[in-house]
Amino acid sequence: MISALLPNYNRADLAFERGEGAWLWTTDGRRFLDFGSGIATASLGHGNKHLADAISAQAHKVMHVSNLYRIPQAEQLAARLVDATFADTVFFCNSGAEANEGMIKMVRKTMASTGKPEKYGIICFEGAFHGRTLATLAATGNSHYLEGFGPKVEGFKHVPLNNMNAVRDAIDGNTAAVMVEPVQGEGGMRSADIQFMRDLRAMCDEFGLIMALDEVQCGMGRTGKLFAHEWAGIEPDVISAAKGIGGGFPLGAVLAKEWVGKHLVPGTHGTTYGGNPLACTAGNAVLDVLMAPGFLDGVITKGELLKAGVEKLIAEFPGIFAESRGRGLMQGIKCVIPAGQVQVAFTGAGLMTVTAGENVVRLVPPLVTTEADIAEALGMMRRAASDLATASKAAAQ
């Protein structure tokens, strides 16, 4: 008999009742260091007083009114994001998939509204992950995720990441945009090269294409910049954001330049919950922390510390770990043995992580993680790797 809660997840047998910073406690009293952050979402960690107090205070006033009315909290958050980025305008929704769906619609509507309705195609990249809606599944292109859901949505081509020749070869009379993650999270923590990002910007300008970036996972301070494309010194035309933007409260956003965003006029796109007072209060509280002087520099410093420690582990355990990937507090370890086996060992040592494509284990701690937390996490990884190496040696004898 099916369970009351749909069993569409392979859930670990852990239930958490409280958290503090980067730490979580289970209902049976065990403590874990959280380097998964709810899949790179709990940007301010657990039990953050500023975030919790802001949400609580707003909940006692008004949580939801719908977008039939002005929402001052959304207006404030949008203005702050515009001031801090390339964007001229912001649309709020509830999740990363919704943000990407909205970005895809914005791309297509821009072309249709400027007399080019035949231009609806989007060039995407192998290893991408853009969401679970029908359109974002097609943009992702992973046959495993698409299987069983009927004909896939048309208009998406996939080419290798960091290959400009392949991108140029994919352009045709229907191409409207290029859509890329500056750092692929689900795809194995693979980064788009800085020069590749710059070349994409130049190519979009050359061919009149829209540069659309999926920053759902790599945005909101995760790499040490507010958005990861800033490392390349470029301005995209539109980006999606979610995950860390609400610190764990459901919130997504599409940030766009005026020439792209202005075509979603009333009646073309909408959401019931998106941008409501409670969600945008959470978003403003998160932004308070991220935009504080020195905070993002601290993410960079802690990321360098974590990377240096991981690289030492790779050298120490070459039979377990193969390669370090990522930037800031969005890092991954490509494994020699199955990544799922490594993740289980890490959990056994008290460290929570997330697997990804290409046999990678993701390390995405809260942005408020301390240097002491990182040192403890590296110790846990070393103990787990030592146990795995011992077990592997024993099995070989």
Protein backbone atom coordinates (compact mmCIF):
# COMPACT_ATOMS: atom_id res chain seq x y z
CA MET A 1 0.00 0.00 0.00
CA ILE A 2 1.29 3.46 -0.89
CA SER A 3 2.27 5.72 2.01
CA ALA A 4 0.25 8.82 2.86
CA LEU A 5 3.24 10.92 1.82
CA LEU A 6 3.95 10.16 -1.84
CA PRO A 7 7.13 8.03 -1.92
CA ASN A 8 8.80 9.83 -4.84
CA TYR A 9 11.97 10.57 -2.85
CA ASN A 10 14.67 8.24 -1.56
CA ARG A 11 14.75 9.82 1.88
CA ALA A 12 17.51 9.18 4.40
CA ASP A 13 16.20 7.95 7.75
CA LEU A 14 16.93 11.25 9.48
CA ALA A 15 14.37 13.69 10.90
CA PHE A 16 15.53 17.05 12.24
CA GLU A 17 13.87 19.07 14.98
CA ARG A 18 16.14 22.09 15.32
CA GLY A 19 19.24 23.76 13.98
CA GLU A 20 21.77 26.43 14.80
CA GLY A 21 24.09 27.93 12.20
CA ALA A 22 25.52 25.07 10.16
CA TRP A 23 24.42 22.40 12.66
CA LEU A 24 21.27 20.27 12.83
CA TRP A 25 19.91 18.03 15.58
CA THR A 26 17.72 14.99 14.89
CA THR A 27 14.59 14.04 16.77
CA ASP A 28 16.62 11.31 18.50
CA GLY A 29 19.33 13.72 19.66
CA ARG A 30 22.11 13.23 17.11
CA ARG A 31 24.04 16.24 15.79
CA PHE A 32 25.12 16.75 12.16
CA LEU A 33 27.16 19.39 10.39
CA ASP A 34 25.08 20.51 7.42
CA PHE A 35 27.17 20.97 4.28
CA GLY A 36 24.12 20.37 2.09
CA SER A 37 22.05 23.38 3.23
CA GLY A 38 18.80 21.89 1.95
CA ILE A 39 20.47 21.70 -1.51
CA ALA A 40 22.24 25.07 -1.33
CA THR A 41 19.14 26.82 0.04
CA ALA A 42 19.63 27.54 3.76
CA SER A 43 21.97 30.42 2.95
CA LEU A 44 21.86 31.87 6.47
CA GLY A 45 21.97 28.46 8.11
CA HIS A 46 19.47 27.26 10.68
CA GLY A 47 17.75 29.30 13.36
CA ASN A 48 19.12 32.61 12.07
CA LYS A 49 17.70 35.21 14.44
CA HIS A 50 17.47 38.06 11.94
CA LEU A 51 15.63 35.94 9.38
CA ALA A 52 13.37 34.20 11.91
CA ASP A 53 12.44 37.45 13.66
CA ALA A 54 11.62 39.15 10.36
CA ILE A 55 9.40 36.27 9.21
CA SER A 56 7.68 36.04 12.60
CA ALA A 57 6.96 39.77 12.77
CA GLN A 58 5.54 39.81 9.24
CA ALA A 59 3.45 36.68 9.85
CA HIS A 60 1.71 38.50 12.70
CA LYS A 61 0.78 41.32 10.30
CA VAL A 62 -0.14 39.91 6.88
CA MET A 63 1.22 36.87 5.05
CA HIS A 64 -0.58 36.93 1.73
CA VAL A 65 -2.80 39.27 -0.28
CA SER A 66 -2.12 38.19 -3.92
CA ASN A 67 -0.73 40.24 -6.77
CA LEU A 68 -4.06 41.97 -7.28
CA TYR A 69 -2.64 44.61 -4.94
CA ARG A 70 0.62 46.44 -4.31
CA ILE A 71 3.08 44.58 -2.09
CA PRO A 72 5.53 47.00 -0.44
CA GLN A 73 7.87 44.20 0.64
CA ALA A 74 8.18 43.03 -2.98
CA GLU A 75 8.71 46.56 -4.22
CA GLN A 76 11.51 47.01 -1.69
CA LEU A 77 13.22 43.71 -2.52
CA ALA A 78 12.97 44.34 -6.27
CA ALA A 79 14.47 47.82 -5.91
CA ARG A 80 17.37 46.45 -3.85
CA LEU A 81 18.09 43.71 -6.40
CA VAL A 82 17.96 46.22 -9.25
CA ASP A 83 20.34 48.54 -7.40
CA ALA A 84 22.80 45.67 -6.80
CA THR A 85 22.75 44.07 -10.27
CA PHE A 86 22.52 44.55 -14.04
CA ALA A 87 18.72 44.26 -13.92
CA ASP A 88 16.06 46.92 -14.46
CA THR A 89 13.09 44.88 -13.27
CA VAL A 90 12.27 41.77 -11.20
CA PHE A 91 9.47 39.19 -11.26
CA PHE A 92 8.92 37.10 -8.11
CA CYS A 93 7.71 33.51 -7.99
CA ASN A 94 8.07 30.52 -5.66
CA SER A 95 10.88 28.27 -6.87
CA GLY A 96 13.78 27.75 -9.24
CA ALA A 97 11.73 25.78 -11.73
CA GLU A 98 9.14 28.57 -11.81
CA ALA A 99 11.88 31.16 -12.24
CA ASN A 100 13.33 29.26 -15.18
CA GLU A 101 9.88 28.72 -16.67
CA GLY A 102 9.25 32.45 -16.38
CA MET A 103 12.63 33.23 -17.94
CA ILE A 104 11.90 30.93 -20.89
CA LYS A 105 8.52 32.61 -21.41
CA MET A 106 10.15 36.03 -21.15
CA VAL A 107 12.69 35.08 -23.85
CA ARG A 108 10.01 33.82 -26.23
CA LYS A 109 7.66 36.72 -25.57
CA THR A 110 10.43 39.24 -26.22
CA MET A 111 11.08 37.78 -29.67
CA ALA A 112 7.38 37.53 -30.52
CA SER A 113 6.70 41.09 -29.37
CA THR A 114 9.56 42.47 -31.47
CA GLY A 115 8.34 40.90 -34.70
CA LYS A 116 10.34 37.65 -34.59
CA PRO A 117 7.88 34.98 -33.43
CA GLU A 118 9.83 32.29 -35.29
CA LYS A 119 12.70 32.82 -32.84
CA TYR A 120 11.71 30.65 -29.88
CA GLY A 121 14.63 28.21 -29.69
CA ILE A 122 17.08 28.18 -26.80
CA ILE A 123 20.57 26.70 -26.82
CA CYS A 124 21.25 24.85 -23.56
CA PHE A 125 24.17 22.76 -22.32
CA GLU A 126 24.91 19.13 -21.61
CA GLY A 127 24.86 18.43 -17.89
CA ALA A 128 22.35 21.21 -17.23
CA PHE A 129 19.56 21.08 -14.68
CA HIS A 130 16.84 23.71 -14.98
CA GLY A 131 13.88 22.16 -13.13
CA ARG A 132 11.05 19.62 -13.16
CA THR A 133 8.28 21.36 -15.12
CA LEU A 134 7.71 20.10 -18.65
CA ALA A 135 9.51 23.05 -20.24
CA THR A 136 12.42 23.04 -17.80
CA LEU A 137 12.79 19.27 -18.19
CA ALA A 138 13.20 19.85 -21.92
CA ALA A 139 15.73 22.59 -21.21
CA THR A 140 17.58 20.18 -18.94
CA GLY A 141 17.62 17.54 -21.65
CA ASN A 142 18.38 14.57 -19.40
CA SER A 143 16.65 11.54 -20.92
CA HIS A 144 16.23 9.91 -17.50
CA TYR A 145 14.20 12.87 -16.21
CA LEU A 146 12.16 13.11 -19.44
CA GLU A 147 11.19 9.44 -19.64
CA GLY A 148 7.51 8.72 -19.20
CA PHE A 149 6.19 12.25 -19.57
CA GLY A 150 5.21 12.20 -23.23
CA PRO A 151 6.54 14.41 -26.03
CA LYS A 152 9.08 16.89 -24.76
CA VAL A 153 8.54 20.61 -25.21
CA GLU A 154 10.10 21.79 -28.47
CA GLY A 155 12.73 24.44 -28.91
CA PHE A 156 15.76 23.30 -26.91
CA LYS A 157 19.14 22.23 -28.26
CA HIS A 158 22.01 20.93 -26.15
CA VAL A 159 25.72 21.39 -26.78
CA PRO A 160 28.88 20.73 -24.71
CA LEU A 161 29.76 23.28 -22.04
CA ASN A 162 32.76 25.52 -22.75
CA ASN A 163 32.68 24.78 -26.50
CA MET A 164 32.05 27.98 -28.47
CA ASN A 165 32.29 26.23 -31.84
CA ALA A 166 29.42 23.94 -30.83
CA VAL A 167 27.34 26.90 -29.68
CA ARG A 168 27.86 28.77 -32.93
CA ASP A 169 27.07 25.65 -34.97
CA ALA A 170 23.75 25.29 -33.10
CA ILE A 171 22.47 28.75 -34.04
CA ASP A 172 19.77 28.76 -36.71
CA GLY A 173 16.86 30.91 -37.82
CA ASN A 174 14.79 29.88 -34.80
CA THR A 175 17.36 30.66 -32.12
CA ALA A 176 16.27 33.23 -29.56
CA ALA A 177 18.66 32.76 -26.66
CA VAL A 178 21.45 30.90 -24.91
CA MET A 179 20.65 29.57 -21.43
CA VAL A 180 23.52 28.51 -19.17
CA GLU A 181 24.40 27.93 -15.52
CA PRO A 182 27.67 29.71 -14.66
CA VAL A 183 28.29 26.76 -12.34
CA GLN A 184 26.35 23.55 -12.94
CA GLY A 185 25.17 22.22 -9.59
CA GLU A 186 23.27 19.03 -10.40
CA GLY A 187 25.56 18.49 -13.38
CA GLY A 188 28.60 17.90 -11.20
CA MET A 189 29.80 21.34 -10.05
CA ARG A 190 31.23 22.09 -13.48
CA SER A 191 32.03 25.75 -14.08
CA ALA A 192 31.63 27.65 -17.29
CA ASP A 193 35.05 29.12 -18.06
CA ILE A 194 35.38 32.87 -17.52
CA GLN A 195 36.44 33.38 -21.15
CA PHE A 196 33.57 31.17 -22.34
CA MET A 197 31.09 33.39 -20.50
CA ARG A 198 32.62 36.48 -22.08
CA ASP A 199 32.55 34.86 -25.52
CA LEU A 200 28.89 33.93 -25.05
CA ARG A 201 28.08 37.56 -24.23
CA ALA A 202 29.89 38.75 -27.36
CA MET A 203 28.19 36.10 -29.50
CA CYS A 204 24.72 37.01 -28.21
CA ASP A 205 25.45 40.64 -29.12
CA GLU A 206 26.69 39.58 -32.55
CA PHE A 207 23.61 37.51 -33.41
CA GLY A 208 20.97 39.48 -31.51
CA LEU A 209 20.34 36.66 -29.02
CA ILE A 210 19.25 36.91 -25.40
CA MET A 211 21.80 35.83 -22.81
CA ALA A 212 19.80 33.98 -20.13
CA LEU A 213 21.57 32.65 -17.04
CA ASP A 214 20.28 30.08 -14.57
CA GLU A 215 21.67 31.28 -11.23
CA VAL A 216 19.19 29.32 -9.11
CA GLN A 217 21.95 27.43 -7.31
CA CYS A 218 25.09 29.48 -7.96
CA GLY A 219 23.54 32.88 -7.24
CA MET A 220 22.76 34.80 -4.05
CA GLY A 221 26.31 34.87 -2.73
CA ARG A 222 27.08 31.18 -3.14
CA THR A 223 30.35 31.74 -5.06
CA GLY A 224 31.41 34.89 -3.20
CA LYS A 225 29.73 37.32 -5.60
CA LEU A 226 26.03 38.18 -5.35
CA PHE A 227 25.67 36.40 -8.71
CA ALA A 228 28.26 34.09 -10.25
CA HIS A 229 28.36 35.81 -13.66
CA GLU A 230 30.00 38.78 -11.96
CA TRP A 231 33.28 36.83 -11.93
CA ALA A 232 33.36 37.19 -15.73
CA GLY A 233 32.66 40.92 -15.61
CA ILE A 234 29.67 40.63 -17.96
CA GLU A 235 26.03 41.66 -17.90
CA PRO A 236 23.44 39.08 -18.96
CA ASP A 237 20.01 40.08 -20.27
CA VAL A 238 17.99 37.97 -17.86
CA ILE A 239 18.72 35.57 -14.98
CA SER A 240 16.76 33.25 -12.72
CA ALA A 241 17.32 33.07 -8.96
CA ALA A 242 15.86 31.00 -6.13
CA LYS A 243 17.20 28.61 -3.46
CA GLY A 244 19.29 30.86 -1.18
CA ILE A 245 17.29 34.00 -2.00
CA GLY A 246 14.81 33.28 0.81
CA GLY A 247 17.15 31.47 3.18
CA GLY A 248 14.88 28.41 3.12
CA PHE A 249 11.56 30.22 2.66
CA PRO A 250 10.09 29.49 -0.82
CA LEU A 251 11.01 32.34 -3.15
CA GLY A 252 12.21 32.65 -6.72
CA ALA A 253 12.91 35.55 -9.04
CA VAL A 254 13.58 36.53 -12.63
CA LEU A 255 15.84 39.57 -12.98
CA ALA A 256 15.82 41.22 -16.40
CA LYS A 257 16.92 44.21 -18.39
CA GLU A 258 14.05 46.43 -19.48
CA TRP A 259 14.18 45.43 -23.16
CA VAL A 260 13.48 41.82 -22.16
CA GLY A 261 11.25 42.21 -19.12
CA LYS A 262 8.87 44.82 -20.49
CA HIS A 263 7.07 42.34 -22.74
CA LEU A 264 5.46 40.39 -19.89
CA VAL A 265 2.50 42.76 -19.66
CA PRO A 266 -0.64 42.07 -17.57
CA GLY A 267 -2.24 38.82 -18.62
CA THR A 268 0.92 37.21 -20.04
CA HIS A 269 2.32 35.63 -16.88
CA GLY A 270 1.46 35.41 -13.20
CA THR A 271 1.52 33.59 -9.88
CA THR A 272 -0.74 33.37 -6.87
CA TYR A 273 1.83 33.17 -4.09
CA GLY A 274 4.87 34.67 -5.81
CA GLY A 275 6.30 37.77 -4.15
CA ASN A 276 3.85 37.81 -1.27
CA PRO A 277 4.60 39.86 1.87
CA LEU A 278 6.00 36.95 3.88
CA ALA A 279 8.27 35.62 1.12
CA CYS A 280 9.68 39.04 0.28
CA THR A 281 10.23 39.83 3.95
CA ALA A 282 12.42 36.72 4.05
CA GLY A 283 14.19 37.83 0.88
CA ASN A 284 14.88 41.26 2.33
CA ALA A 285 16.25 39.73 5.54
CA VAL A 286 18.61 37.51 3.55
CA LEU A 287 19.76 40.46 1.47
CA ASP A 288 20.44 42.44 4.66
CA VAL A 289 23.06 39.84 5.58
CA LEU A 290 24.52 39.21 2.13
CA MET A 291 24.98 42.91 1.35
CA ALA A 292 26.57 43.78 4.70
CA PRO A 293 30.14 45.09 4.25
CA GLY A 294 32.66 42.26 4.04
CA PHE A 295 30.17 39.39 4.06
CA LEU A 296 30.77 38.18 0.49
CA ASP A 297 34.52 38.62 0.93
CA GLY A 298 34.17 36.25 3.86
CA VAL A 299 32.47 33.70 1.62
CA ILE A 300 35.44 33.87 -0.74
CA THR A 301 37.91 33.42 2.13
CA LYS A 302 36.01 30.48 3.59
CA GLY A 303 35.68 28.95 0.14
CA GLU A 304 39.43 29.12 -0.37
CA LEU A 305 39.98 27.49 3.03
CA LEU A 306 37.55 24.68 2.18
CA LYS A 307 39.11 24.13 -1.25
CA ALA A 308 42.63 23.98 0.13
CA GLY A 309 41.54 21.39 2.70
CA VAL A 310 39.73 19.30 0.09
CA GLU A 311 42.76 19.32 -2.19
CA LYS A 312 44.88 17.97 0.67
CA LEU A 313 42.36 15.17 1.16
CA ILE A 314 42.48 14.34 -2.54
CA ALA A 315 46.27 14.04 -2.37
CA GLU A 316 46.01 11.92 0.79
CA PHE A 317 43.30 9.58 -0.50
CA PRO A 318 43.76 9.16 -4.28
CA GLY A 319 41.83 5.91 -4.21
CA ILE A 320 38.74 7.73 -2.91
CA PHE A 321 38.86 11.27 -4.33
CA ALA A 322 39.90 12.45 -7.79
CA GLU A 323 39.26 16.15 -8.30
CA SER A 324 38.14 19.37 -6.61
CA ARG A 325 35.58 21.56 -8.36
CA GLY A 326 33.62 24.77 -7.86
CA ARG A 327 34.09 28.20 -6.33
CA GLY A 328 33.34 29.90 -3.03
CA LEU A 329 31.00 27.81 -0.88
CA MET A 330 29.75 25.90 -3.92
CA GLN A 331 32.26 23.09 -4.19
CA GLY A 332 32.37 19.47 -5.18
CA ILE A 333 34.62 16.46 -4.97
CA LYS A 334 34.72 14.11 -7.95
CA CYS A 335 35.10 10.64 -6.51
CA VAL A 336 36.91 7.50 -7.63
CA ILE A 337 34.50 5.16 -5.88
CA PRO A 338 30.71 5.71 -6.17
CA ALA A 339 29.76 9.16 -4.86
CA GLY A 340 26.76 7.69 -3.07
CA GLN A 341 29.11 5.46 -1.07
CA VAL A 342 31.20 8.49 -0.11
CA GLN A 343 28.10 10.45 0.89
CA VAL A 344 26.96 7.63 3.19
CA ALA A 345 30.40 7.54 4.80
CA PHE A 346 30.35 11.31 5.29
CA THR A 347 26.92 11.07 6.93
CA GLY A 348 28.23 8.32 9.20
CA ALA A 349 31.00 10.68 10.27
CA GLY A 350 28.44 13.40 11.04
CA LEU A 351 28.64 15.46 7.84
CA MET A 352 25.63 16.02 5.56
CA THR A 353 26.38 16.47 1.84
CA VAL A 354 24.58 16.17 -1.50
CA THR A 355 25.53 14.08 -4.53
CA ALA A 356 25.59 15.42 -8.08
CA GLY A 357 26.26 14.25 -11.62
CA GLU A 358 29.64 12.98 -12.83
CA ASN A 359 30.13 11.04 -9.57
CA VAL A 360 30.51 14.20 -7.50
CA VAL A 361 29.70 14.95 -3.86
CA ARG A 362 28.60 18.56 -3.32
CA LEU A 363 29.82 20.71 -0.43
CA VAL A 364 27.39 23.63 -0.15
CA PRO A 365 27.37 24.76 3.49
CA PRO A 366 25.41 27.77 4.73
CA LEU A 367 27.12 31.03 3.80
CA VAL A 368 27.38 31.81 7.53
CA THR A 369 29.50 28.70 8.12
CA THR A 370 32.51 29.47 10.29
CA GLU A 371 36.16 28.58 9.75
CA ALA A 372 35.83 26.28 12.76
CA ASP A 373 32.94 24.51 11.04
CA ILE A 374 35.06 24.03 7.94
CA ALA A 375 37.92 22.58 9.97
CA GLU A 376 35.50 20.17 11.64
CA ALA A 377 33.99 19.19 8.28
CA LEU A 378 37.43 18.45 6.85
CA GLY A 379 38.16 16.28 9.87
CA MET A 380 34.93 14.37 9.33
CA MET A 381 35.78 13.87 5.66
CA ARG A 382 39.24 12.62 6.57
CA ARG A 383 37.84 10.07 9.03
CA ALA A 384 35.27 8.89 6.50
CA ALA A 385 37.89 8.62 3.75
CA SER A 386 40.21 6.68 6.05
CA ASP A 387 37.43 4.20 6.85
CA LEU A 388 36.61 3.84 3.15
CA ALA A 389 40.26 3.30 2.25
CA THR A 390 40.64 0.68 4.99
CA ALA A 391 37.50 -1.14 3.85
CA SER A 392 38.65 -1.03 0.21
CA LYS A 393 42.05 -2.44 1.15
CA ALA A 394 40.48 -5.22 3.20
CA ALA A 395 38.12 -6.12 0.36
CA ALA A 396 41.04 -6.36 -2.07
CA GLN A 397 42.93 -8.84 0.11
